[in-house]
Amino acid sequence: MARTSRKKNKQLLGRPPAGKGGVAVTKDYVQTTLRLDMATKELLDALTRLLGRSQREVAGDALILYARRLRVSDQELLAGLLHRKG
């Protein structure tokens, strides 16, 4: 009986590299977990597709815009919280 050789598919184990072309260095970012309702998750997914940006970028920009729209008194409190150690 002749043995047939199969061409082996060489697959890398684990997750593929992040970012376009696999060049994003994710170790420079803190990891967090959010629980979102389905409508909010669908909105986030749609925005990432529309803008061609990562969820991290879209969510980060949204938080920055949210903070900028706070009342001045709340922005001052937020600045104090951000400058605290620990």
Protein backbone atom coordinates (compact mmCIF):
# COMPACT_ATOMS: atom_id res chain seq x y z
CA MET A 1 0.00 0.00 0.00
CA ALA A 2 1.48 3.29 -1.03
CA ARG A 3 1.43 6.15 1.39
CA THR A 4 0.05 9.38 0.12
CA SER A 5 1.60 12.48 1.46
CA ARG A 6 -0.68 15.25 2.51
CA LYS A 7 0.36 18.81 2.27
CA LYS A 8 0.38 20.07 5.83
CA ASN A 9 -1.32 23.35 6.54
CA LYS A 10 1.01 25.25 8.77
CA GLN A 11 -1.21 27.23 11.11
CA LEU A 12 0.03 29.44 13.84
CA LEU A 13 -1.52 28.84 17.22
CA GLY A 14 -3.25 31.59 19.16
CA ARG A 15 -4.73 34.90 18.12
CA PRO A 16 -3.52 36.67 15.01
CA PRO A 17 -1.58 39.90 15.51
CA ALA A 18 -3.80 42.93 16.12
CA GLY A 19 -4.30 45.89 13.86
CA LYS A 20 -4.13 46.33 10.12
CA GLY A 21 -1.47 44.02 8.81
CA GLY A 22 -0.87 42.66 12.31
CA VAL A 23 1.39 45.51 13.37
CA ALA A 24 -0.43 46.99 16.39
CA VAL A 25 1.43 46.59 19.66
CA THR A 26 -1.35 45.72 22.07
CA LYS A 27 0.91 45.24 25.09
CA ASP A 28 1.07 49.05 25.36
CA TYR A 29 -2.64 49.23 26.20
CA VAL A 30 -4.43 48.34 29.42
CA GLN A 31 -7.05 45.64 28.98
CA THR A 32 -10.54 46.17 30.36
CA THR A 33 -13.87 44.40 30.04
CA LEU A 34 -17.22 46.07 29.51
CA ARG A 35 -20.69 44.59 29.63
CA LEU A 36 -22.83 46.30 27.01
CA ASP A 37 -26.45 45.84 26.12
CA MET A 38 -26.99 44.39 22.65
CA ALA A 39 -28.02 47.70 21.05
CA THR A 40 -24.87 49.44 22.32
CA LYS A 41 -22.66 46.58 21.10
CA GLU A 42 -24.32 46.70 17.68
CA LEU A 43 -23.72 50.47 17.59
CA LEU A 44 -20.05 49.99 18.48
CA ASP A 45 -19.66 47.31 15.80
CA ALA A 46 -21.36 49.51 13.19
CA LEU A 47 -19.17 52.50 14.07
CA THR A 48 -15.99 50.44 13.82
CA ARG A 49 -17.00 49.20 10.36
CA LEU A 50 -18.12 52.65 9.20
CA LEU A 51 -15.00 54.43 10.43
CA GLY A 52 -12.55 51.62 9.72
CA ARG A 53 -11.15 51.94 13.23
CA SER A 54 -10.70 49.56 16.15
CA GLN A 55 -13.16 49.25 19.02
CA ARG A 56 -10.44 50.63 21.29
CA GLU A 57 -10.14 53.78 19.19
CA VAL A 58 -13.90 54.33 18.82
CA ALA A 59 -14.59 53.77 22.54
CA GLY A 60 -11.61 55.91 23.57
CA ASP A 61 -12.71 58.80 21.37
CA ALA A 62 -16.28 58.49 22.69
CA LEU A 63 -15.03 58.74 26.30
CA ILE A 64 -12.94 61.80 25.48
CA LEU A 65 -15.90 63.51 23.81
CA TYR A 66 -18.14 62.58 26.74
CA ALA A 67 -15.70 64.11 29.21
CA ARG A 68 -15.44 67.31 27.14
CA ARG A 69 -19.22 67.73 27.23
CA LEU A 70 -19.44 67.60 31.02
CA ARG A 71 -20.31 70.73 32.95
CA VAL A 72 -17.26 72.77 33.92
CA SER A 73 -17.72 71.86 37.59
CA ASP A 74 -17.78 68.14 36.70
CA GLN A 75 -14.73 68.57 34.46
CA GLU A 76 -12.85 70.08 37.40
CA LEU A 77 -13.85 67.15 39.63
CA LEU A 78 -12.79 64.74 36.91
CA ALA A 79 -9.42 66.46 36.57
CA GLY A 80 -8.90 66.07 40.31
CA LEU A 81 -9.72 62.36 40.11
CA LEU A 82 -7.34 61.87 37.20
CA HIS A 83 -4.46 63.53 39.04
CA ARG A 84 -4.84 61.41 42.18
CA LYS A 85 -2.22 58.78 42.80
CA GLY A 86 -3.50 55.22 43.16
